[in-house]
Amino acid sequence: MIKVMSLSPASRLDGFGP
């Protein structure tokens, strides 16, 4: 995956936050 919003709660899984 692409770490875009690695600070988001959901992005810790694939890198795509809300």
C-alpha atoms as a PDB file:
ATOM      1  CA  MET A   1       0.000   0.000   0.000  1.00  0.00           C
ATOM      2  CA  ILE A   2       0.937   3.667  -0.051  1.00  0.00           C
ATOM      3  CA  LYS A   3       1.678   5.466   3.206  1.00  0.00           C
ATOM      4  CA  VAL A   4      -0.177   8.728   2.670  1.00  0.00           C
ATOM      5  CA  MET A   5      -1.757   9.532   6.009  1.00  0.00           C
ATOM      6  CA  SER A   6       0.228   7.315   8.358  1.00  0.00           C
ATOM      7  CA  LEU A   7      -1.071   9.363  11.285  1.00  0.00           C
ATOM      8  CA  SER A   8      -4.683   8.411  10.726  1.00  0.00           C
ATOM      9  CA  PRO A   9      -6.354   5.652  12.808  1.00  0.00           C
ATOM     10  CA  ALA A  10      -7.154   3.531   9.754  1.00  0.00           C
ATOM     11  CA  SER A  11      -3.963   4.288   7.826  1.00  0.00           C
ATOM     12  CA  ARG A  12      -1.926   2.158  10.218  1.00  0.00           C
ATOM     13  CA  LEU A  13      -3.220  -0.835   8.236  1.00  0.00           C
ATOM     14  CA  ASP A  14      -2.752   0.177   4.615  1.00  0.00           C
ATOM     15  CA  GLY A  15      -1.750   3.822   4.672  1.00  0.00           C
ATOM     16  CA  PHE A  16      -5.068   5.257   3.544  1.00  0.00           C
ATOM     17  CA  GLY A  17      -6.626   7.367   6.291  1.00  0.00           C
ATOM     18  CA  PRO A  18     -10.166   8.784   6.353  1.00  0.00           C
END
